[in-house]
Amino acid sequence: MNNLTRRNLIKAAAATGLAGALGSRLAFAADEPLGITLIVPSPIGDVGWGHALAAGLDPIKAAYGDKVKVTILENIAEGPDADRIMTKTVADGNKFLIAGSFGYQNGALQIARRDPSVTVLHASGFQVAPNFSPFAAKYFQGSYLLGMAAAALSKTGKLGSVSAFAIPELITTINAFTLGAQAVKPDIEVSVVWVNSWFDPAKEQEAAKALIAQKCDVIFSNAQDTPSVIAACEEAGVYSFNLNSSMKKYAPKTYLGCISTDWSPFFKASVDAHLAGTFKGANTFLGVAEKVVEVIDWSPDVPADVMAQIKGIEAKIADGSFSPFTGPISKADGSEGLAAGTTMPDAEIVALDWHVKGVTTPLPK
C-alpha cells in the first residue's frame, strides 16, 4: 500500500504534466491489477476517520491479493488541489476511487461523469450517478445510545460536543445524542463548539477545555481525526466518546465508548460489483442493522439498569422497530420538528439542518 501526501502528489502532477495525463489515459491489459485509490483530508494515524476507511480496505487486499493495488492519498485538503490529485490518479489508470470527505464531492463527481469505466465512492455526500455512490454511516444510532449513557453519568445536566463542520451528518449525530440523553433526563442540555476542521489538535483541545469550563461533564468528540478532545477530557476527569475508531488508550479512566465503523463489507461488495461489471450508483446509508455501526468500549461506569435499557433500544434499532428520530421532536427554536407518532425518513435525516430542543448553541450561519 502506498501512503502519499498532498505535497508529493502535486509534485508528481507537475512532473508528469497534468494536461498530458488527461489527454492520454493509460490502457491496461485485462490481467493488470485493479488500481484502488483512497483519498482522505487528514493524516492516516492510529485513530479516526481516515484510519477507519483505510482499515476497510484490508479485507479487499486479503481477498484479491496482487489482483488489486491500493494507494492511500492522505492529508489532501478539500478544494482545487484535491480535484487535481483525484484527476491525476484516475489518469494514471486507477479505476476505483474512494473520495473520503464531503468536500471532495464536486471534483469526484466530475471524474465519474467524464469516465464511465471508473467507479467512485464518495463519503457523506448526496449526489448519485451510475458509477458514483455516496456512502454514510448512521452514526446517529450510536450517538443516541451514548446519549443515554452520558445522561446517566452526568452530574451537571450539561453535555458538550466538539464538532468538525456544521454539515447534516454531524448535526444529526448531535441531535440524536441529545435525544438519547433526554430519554434519560428530559431537561439535559448540550453545548457545541464547531472547530471547522477535521484535523486541528490545538483547536480541538481548546474547544474541549472551553466546554469543560462551562460545566459540561460528558463530551462528544464529533468527527475529529485526533485524540486531542479525548485526552483533554481524561486529564480533566470528564467522560468522553468519539466516532469511527477506538481512542480508549488515550483515556483509560474516563472513556465512555466509541461509535465505530466497519466499512469493509460495503467496500468489498462495491469492488466485487465493479469487477463483475454490475456496479450501480446508489445512496448508501448503513448502520447498526448492517453491522457497519457498532458502539464498542462501553465504560463499566454506566449503571447496570441503564445499560440494560441501552441494549434493549440497540436491539430495536437493529431490527428496525425503533428510530431515534421518532416524534414528537421539537426544534431548538421551539417549533415542531417532527409530529408525534411519525418517523423521519432517511432522505430527511441525511439533509437535517436544524438542532433539536436542548441543543443550546445556535448553528453557524
Protein backbone atom coordinates (compact mmCIF):
# COMPACT_ATOMS: atom_id res chain seq x y z
CA MET A 1 0.00 0.00 0.00
CA ASN A 2 1.31 3.44 -0.84
CA ASN A 3 0.64 6.36 1.50
CA LEU A 4 1.20 9.66 -0.29
CA THR A 5 0.88 13.23 0.88
CA ARG A 6 -0.58 16.29 -0.80
CA ARG A 7 2.87 17.77 -1.45
CA ASN A 8 4.21 14.64 -3.14
CA LEU A 9 1.12 14.30 -5.32
CA ILE A 10 1.25 17.91 -6.50
CA LYS A 11 4.93 17.49 -7.34
CA ALA A 12 4.12 14.33 -9.28
CA ALA A 13 1.35 16.06 -11.18
CA ALA A 14 3.69 18.86 -12.15
CA ALA A 15 6.47 16.48 -13.16
CA THR A 16 4.35 14.35 -15.44
CA GLY A 17 2.30 17.17 -16.90
CA LEU A 18 -1.34 17.03 -15.87
CA ALA A 19 -2.61 18.08 -19.29
CA GLY A 20 -0.72 15.24 -20.91
CA ALA A 21 -2.01 12.79 -18.36
CA LEU A 22 -5.57 13.85 -19.05
CA GLY A 23 -5.12 13.55 -22.79
CA SER A 24 -3.56 10.10 -22.84
CA ARG A 25 -5.02 7.68 -20.33
CA LEU A 26 -3.05 4.51 -19.94
CA ALA A 27 -4.66 1.37 -21.29
CA PHE A 28 -4.11 -1.65 -19.10
CA ALA A 29 -4.39 -5.26 -20.08
CA ALA A 30 -7.18 -7.26 -18.53
CA ASP A 31 -4.73 -9.05 -16.23
CA GLU A 32 -3.41 -5.82 -14.73
CA PRO A 33 -4.35 -5.28 -11.07
CA LEU A 34 -7.29 -3.05 -10.28
CA GLY A 35 -5.98 0.28 -9.04
CA ILE A 36 -7.91 1.38 -5.92
CA THR A 37 -7.24 4.84 -4.52
CA LEU A 38 -8.45 6.21 -1.19
CA ILE A 39 -8.09 9.95 -0.65
CA VAL A 40 -8.60 11.50 2.80
CA PRO A 41 -8.25 15.05 4.17
CA SER A 42 -6.17 14.24 7.25
CA PRO A 43 -3.17 12.07 8.05
CA ILE A 44 -3.72 8.34 8.38
CA GLY A 45 -2.91 7.69 12.00
CA ASP A 46 -3.86 5.05 14.52
CA VAL A 47 -7.33 6.51 15.16
CA GLY A 48 -10.11 8.44 13.47
CA TRP A 49 -12.00 8.64 10.19
CA GLY A 50 -9.09 8.08 7.83
CA HIS A 51 -7.88 5.15 9.90
CA ALA A 52 -11.34 3.54 9.74
CA LEU A 53 -11.56 3.98 5.95
CA ALA A 54 -8.10 2.54 5.42
CA ALA A 55 -8.91 -0.44 7.65
CA GLY A 56 -11.97 -1.07 5.49
CA LEU A 57 -9.68 -1.91 2.59
CA ASP A 58 -7.79 -4.67 4.39
CA PRO A 59 -10.30 -7.46 3.57
CA ILE A 60 -10.13 -6.48 -0.11
CA LYS A 61 -6.36 -6.86 -0.12
CA ALA A 62 -6.71 -10.17 1.70
CA ALA A 63 -9.32 -11.45 -0.77
CA TYR A 64 -7.72 -10.30 -4.02
CA GLY A 65 -4.00 -10.20 -3.24
CA ASP A 66 -1.95 -8.98 -6.18
CA LYS A 67 -5.08 -8.55 -8.31
CA VAL A 68 -5.56 -5.15 -6.66
CA LYS A 69 -3.18 -2.29 -5.98
CA VAL A 70 -4.25 0.02 -3.15
CA THR A 71 -2.95 3.57 -2.83
CA ILE A 72 -3.83 5.94 0.00
CA LEU A 73 -3.51 9.67 -0.56
CA GLU A 74 -3.54 11.27 2.87
CA ASN A 75 -3.69 14.85 4.14
CA ILE A 76 -5.27 16.15 0.92
CA ALA A 77 -7.11 19.42 1.57
CA GLU A 78 -10.57 19.79 0.07
CA GLY A 79 -10.60 22.12 -2.92
CA PRO A 80 -8.71 22.56 -6.22
CA ASP A 81 -5.65 20.57 -5.11
CA ALA A 82 -7.82 17.56 -4.28
CA ASP A 83 -9.59 17.82 -7.63
CA ARG A 84 -6.27 17.85 -9.49
CA ILE A 85 -4.89 14.96 -7.48
CA MET A 86 -8.02 12.81 -7.95
CA THR A 87 -7.96 13.55 -11.69
CA LYS A 88 -4.33 12.52 -11.91
CA THR A 89 -4.76 9.26 -10.05
CA VAL A 90 -7.55 8.26 -12.47
CA ALA A 91 -5.47 9.40 -15.45
CA ASP A 92 -2.72 7.13 -14.16
CA GLY A 93 -5.03 4.16 -14.59
CA ASN A 94 -6.73 3.73 -11.23
CA LYS A 95 -10.33 2.70 -11.87
CA PHE A 96 -11.73 2.65 -8.34
CA LEU A 97 -11.73 5.86 -6.33
CA ILE A 98 -12.86 6.35 -2.74
CA ALA A 99 -13.24 10.08 -2.09
CA GLY A 100 -13.17 10.16 1.68
CA SER A 101 -14.59 13.56 2.54
CA PHE A 102 -17.73 15.62 1.94
CA GLY A 103 -15.74 18.43 0.29
CA TYR A 104 -14.44 16.15 -2.48
CA GLN A 105 -17.93 15.71 -3.92
CA ASN A 106 -17.91 18.04 -6.94
CA GLY A 107 -14.47 17.06 -8.22
CA ALA A 108 -15.11 13.34 -7.75
CA LEU A 109 -18.49 13.56 -9.46
CA GLN A 110 -16.96 15.26 -12.50
CA ILE A 111 -14.42 12.45 -12.75
CA ALA A 112 -17.21 9.85 -12.70
CA ARG A 113 -19.16 11.70 -15.36
CA ARG A 114 -16.14 12.01 -17.64
CA ASP A 115 -15.17 8.34 -17.41
CA PRO A 116 -17.91 5.69 -17.04
CA SER A 117 -15.24 3.00 -16.59
CA VAL A 118 -14.30 4.48 -13.21
CA THR A 119 -16.25 3.63 -10.06
CA VAL A 120 -16.36 6.33 -7.38
CA LEU A 121 -17.49 6.02 -3.76
CA HIS A 122 -17.97 9.37 -2.01
CA ALA A 123 -18.18 9.86 1.74
CA SER A 124 -21.10 11.75 3.26
CA GLY A 125 -22.45 13.30 0.07
CA PHE A 126 -25.79 13.23 -1.70
CA GLN A 127 -25.10 13.18 -5.44
CA VAL A 128 -25.68 9.91 -7.32
CA ALA A 129 -24.64 8.79 -10.81
CA PRO A 130 -24.48 5.35 -12.48
CA ASN A 131 -20.86 4.93 -11.40
CA PHE A 132 -20.95 7.23 -8.35
CA SER A 133 -22.25 6.22 -4.91
CA PRO A 134 -22.34 8.43 -1.84
CA PHE A 135 -21.99 6.49 1.41
CA ALA A 136 -22.61 7.44 5.00
CA ALA A 137 -22.97 5.76 8.36
CA LYS A 138 -25.96 6.04 10.64
CA TYR A 139 -23.77 7.37 13.41
CA PHE A 140 -26.86 8.84 14.98
CA GLN A 141 -27.94 5.35 16.04
CA GLY A 142 -24.81 5.05 18.16
CA SER A 143 -24.84 8.62 19.44
CA TYR A 144 -28.42 8.12 20.71
CA LEU A 145 -27.24 5.15 22.78
CA LEU A 146 -24.23 7.04 24.11
CA GLY A 147 -26.51 9.97 24.91
CA MET A 148 -28.46 7.68 27.23
CA ALA A 149 -25.25 6.67 28.97
CA ALA A 150 -24.00 10.26 29.13
CA ALA A 151 -27.18 11.46 30.84
CA ALA A 152 -26.97 8.66 33.39
CA LEU A 153 -23.41 9.67 34.33
CA SER A 154 -23.78 13.46 34.12
CA LYS A 155 -23.93 15.30 37.45
CA THR A 156 -24.31 18.80 35.99
CA GLY A 157 -27.01 18.10 33.40
CA LYS A 158 -24.75 19.74 30.82
CA LEU A 159 -23.20 17.80 27.95
CA GLY A 160 -20.90 19.07 25.19
CA SER A 161 -19.71 18.30 21.68
CA VAL A 162 -16.56 19.38 19.89
CA SER A 163 -17.66 19.07 16.27
CA ALA A 164 -15.79 19.42 13.00
CA PHE A 165 -18.14 21.08 10.48
CA ALA A 166 -21.82 22.04 10.62
CA ILE A 167 -22.87 19.58 7.91
CA PRO A 168 -26.04 17.45 8.13
CA GLU A 169 -24.16 14.29 9.10
CA LEU A 170 -22.70 15.90 12.22
CA ILE A 171 -25.81 17.91 13.06
CA THR A 172 -27.66 14.61 13.03
CA THR A 173 -25.28 12.90 15.44
CA ILE A 174 -25.54 15.82 17.89
CA ASN A 175 -29.34 15.76 17.69
CA ALA A 176 -29.51 12.03 18.35
CA PHE A 177 -27.03 12.38 21.21
CA THR A 178 -29.34 15.00 22.72
CA LEU A 179 -32.48 12.93 22.18
CA GLY A 180 -30.88 9.87 23.77
CA ALA A 181 -29.82 11.92 26.76
CA GLN A 182 -33.31 13.41 27.08
CA ALA A 183 -34.78 9.90 27.14
CA VAL A 184 -33.00 9.50 30.48
CA LYS A 185 -33.03 13.11 31.74
CA PRO A 186 -35.57 15.28 29.87
CA ASP A 187 -34.07 18.62 30.94
CA ILE A 188 -30.49 17.93 29.90
CA GLU A 189 -28.67 20.50 27.71
CA VAL A 190 -25.99 20.14 25.05
CA SER A 191 -23.48 22.83 24.04
CA VAL A 192 -21.48 22.65 20.79
CA VAL A 193 -18.18 24.13 19.66
CA TRP A 194 -17.60 23.97 15.89
CA VAL A 195 -13.87 23.89 15.09
CA ASN A 196 -14.30 23.95 11.28
CA SER A 197 -11.57 21.39 10.76
CA TRP A 198 -11.20 17.64 10.55
CA PHE A 199 -7.69 17.78 11.97
CA ASP A 200 -6.57 20.57 14.30
CA PRO A 201 -5.29 19.16 17.59
CA ALA A 202 -4.70 22.52 19.27
CA LYS A 203 -8.11 23.95 18.37
CA GLU A 204 -9.87 20.73 19.38
CA GLN A 205 -8.15 20.70 22.77
CA GLU A 206 -9.08 24.33 23.43
CA ALA A 207 -12.69 23.62 22.43
CA ALA A 208 -12.84 20.73 24.88
CA LYS A 209 -11.43 22.89 27.67
CA ALA A 210 -14.00 25.59 26.90
CA LEU A 211 -16.84 23.10 27.25
CA ILE A 212 -15.40 21.73 30.47
CA ALA A 213 -15.24 25.30 31.80
CA GLN A 214 -18.98 25.55 31.06
CA LYS A 215 -19.53 22.55 33.40
CA CYS A 216 -20.09 20.02 30.62
CA ASP A 217 -19.14 16.70 32.19
CA VAL A 218 -19.56 14.39 29.18
CA ILE A 219 -18.12 15.46 25.82
CA PHE A 220 -18.69 14.03 22.36
CA SER A 221 -15.67 14.28 20.03
CA ASN A 222 -17.67 14.54 16.83
CA ALA A 223 -15.55 13.62 13.78
CA GLN A 224 -12.07 14.59 14.92
CA ASP A 225 -9.18 12.62 13.50
CA THR A 226 -7.04 13.26 16.57
CA PRO A 227 -7.42 12.12 20.19
CA SER A 228 -6.98 15.68 21.47
CA VAL A 229 -10.51 16.00 22.85
CA ILE A 230 -10.40 12.56 24.44
CA ALA A 231 -7.01 13.22 26.06
CA ALA A 232 -8.10 16.65 27.37
CA CYS A 233 -11.19 15.09 28.94
CA GLU A 234 -9.13 12.35 30.57
CA GLU A 235 -6.85 14.97 32.10
CA ALA A 236 -9.87 16.87 33.44
CA GLY A 237 -11.65 13.76 34.71
CA VAL A 238 -14.54 14.21 32.27
CA TYR A 239 -16.22 11.42 30.32
CA SER A 240 -15.85 11.46 26.52
CA PHE A 241 -16.64 9.41 23.42
CA ASN A 242 -15.96 9.66 19.69
CA LEU A 243 -16.71 8.40 16.20
CA ASN A 244 -15.06 5.89 13.87
CA SER A 245 -12.33 4.07 15.81
CA SER A 246 -11.41 3.38 19.41
CA MET A 247 -9.45 6.02 21.33
CA LYS A 248 -9.69 4.19 24.64
CA LYS A 249 -5.92 4.07 25.09
CA TYR A 250 -5.90 7.87 25.30
CA ALA A 251 -8.45 7.90 28.13
CA PRO A 252 -8.28 4.65 30.09
CA LYS A 253 -10.26 6.07 33.02
CA THR A 254 -12.92 8.34 31.50
CA TYR A 255 -13.64 6.83 28.08
CA LEU A 256 -17.40 6.35 27.67
CA GLY A 257 -17.25 4.44 24.38
CA CYS A 258 -16.80 4.63 20.64
CA ILE A 259 -19.23 4.66 17.72
CA SER A 260 -17.05 2.51 15.50
CA THR A 261 -17.49 2.00 11.78
CA ASP A 262 -16.56 -1.02 9.72
CA TRP A 263 -16.61 -0.10 6.03
CA SER A 264 -15.15 -3.39 4.81
CA PRO A 265 -18.47 -5.09 3.84
CA PHE A 266 -19.53 -2.09 1.76
CA PHE A 267 -16.11 -1.58 0.17
CA LYS A 268 -15.75 -5.29 -0.64
CA ALA A 269 -19.21 -5.52 -2.20
CA SER A 270 -18.53 -2.40 -4.29
CA VAL A 271 -15.20 -3.74 -5.59
CA ASP A 272 -16.84 -7.09 -6.36
CA ALA A 273 -19.55 -5.31 -8.36
CA HIS A 274 -17.01 -3.17 -10.21
CA LEU A 275 -15.00 -6.22 -11.26
CA ALA A 276 -18.17 -8.04 -12.31
CA GLY A 277 -19.37 -5.02 -14.31
CA THR A 278 -22.57 -4.79 -12.24
CA PHE A 279 -21.89 -1.70 -10.14
CA LYS A 280 -24.85 0.69 -9.89
CA GLY A 281 -24.61 4.02 -8.13
CA ALA A 282 -26.92 4.43 -5.15
CA ASN A 283 -27.20 6.49 -2.00
CA THR A 284 -25.89 4.12 0.66
CA PHE A 285 -26.80 4.76 4.30
CA LEU A 286 -25.65 1.98 6.64
CA GLY A 287 -25.96 1.45 10.36
CA VAL A 288 -26.40 -0.99 13.21
CA ALA A 289 -28.51 -3.43 11.20
CA GLU A 290 -25.77 -3.83 8.58
CA LYS A 291 -23.07 -4.09 11.29
CA VAL A 292 -21.33 -1.03 9.87
CA VAL A 293 -22.05 0.96 13.05
CA GLU A 294 -21.39 -0.52 16.49
CA VAL A 295 -20.83 1.02 19.90
CA ILE A 296 -17.74 -0.51 21.48
CA ASP A 297 -15.60 0.02 24.58
CA TRP A 298 -18.53 0.77 26.87
CA SER A 299 -17.44 2.28 30.18
CA PRO A 300 -18.01 -0.01 33.15
CA ASP A 301 -19.24 3.10 34.99
CA VAL A 302 -22.58 3.05 33.14
CA PRO A 303 -25.17 1.79 35.68
CA ALA A 304 -26.37 -1.74 35.02
CA ASP A 305 -30.04 -0.77 34.77
CA VAL A 306 -29.24 1.96 32.20
CA MET A 307 -27.06 -0.41 30.20
CA ALA A 308 -29.95 -2.88 30.10
CA GLN A 309 -32.17 -0.13 28.70
CA ILE A 310 -29.48 0.79 26.16
CA LYS A 311 -29.12 -2.80 24.98
CA GLY A 312 -32.88 -3.06 24.61
CA ILE A 313 -33.00 0.06 22.43
CA GLU A 314 -29.99 -1.13 20.45
CA ALA A 315 -31.83 -4.36 19.62
CA LYS A 316 -34.87 -2.39 18.45
CA ILE A 317 -32.68 -0.16 16.27
CA ALA A 318 -31.10 -3.26 14.75
CA ASP A 319 -34.44 -4.89 13.90
CA GLY A 320 -35.94 -1.64 12.63
CA SER A 321 -38.64 -1.29 15.26
CA PHE A 322 -37.21 1.94 16.69
CA SER A 323 -35.59 5.05 15.22
CA PRO A 324 -34.03 7.82 17.32
CA PHE A 325 -35.85 10.26 15.06
CA THR A 326 -39.39 9.39 16.09
CA GLY A 327 -41.79 12.21 17.00
CA PRO A 328 -42.72 14.24 18.80
CA ILE A 329 -39.49 16.20 18.36
CA SER A 330 -39.22 19.96 18.86
CA LYS A 331 -36.64 22.18 17.19
CA ALA A 332 -34.28 24.31 19.23
CA ASP A 333 -36.43 27.38 18.46
CA GLY A 334 -39.48 25.66 19.94
CA SER A 335 -41.26 24.91 16.66
CA GLU A 336 -42.33 21.42 15.66
CA GLY A 337 -39.61 19.35 14.06
CA LEU A 338 -41.44 16.05 13.85
CA ALA A 339 -45.03 15.24 14.70
CA ALA A 340 -45.92 12.65 17.32
CA GLY A 341 -46.02 9.09 16.05
CA THR A 342 -44.07 9.81 12.86
CA THR A 343 -40.59 8.61 11.97
CA MET A 344 -38.23 10.75 9.94
CA PRO A 345 -37.25 9.06 6.65
CA ASP A 346 -33.60 8.60 5.75
CA ALA A 347 -33.84 11.22 2.99
CA GLU A 348 -34.68 13.86 5.60
CA ILE A 349 -32.14 12.60 8.14
CA VAL A 350 -29.25 12.97 5.69
CA ALA A 351 -30.30 16.56 4.95
CA LEU A 352 -31.01 17.69 8.52
CA ASP A 353 -30.15 21.37 9.02
CA TRP A 354 -31.66 22.19 12.41
CA HIS A 355 -30.99 21.32 16.02
CA VAL A 356 -33.45 19.70 18.41
CA LYS A 357 -34.63 21.37 21.58
CA GLY A 358 -31.96 21.01 24.24
CA VAL A 359 -29.05 21.99 21.99
CA THR A 360 -28.24 25.45 23.30
CA THR A 361 -25.69 26.55 20.68
CA PRO A 362 -27.15 28.11 17.51
CA LEU A 363 -25.99 26.67 14.21
CA PRO A 364 -23.44 28.86 12.41
CA LYS A 365 -24.88 30.90 9.54
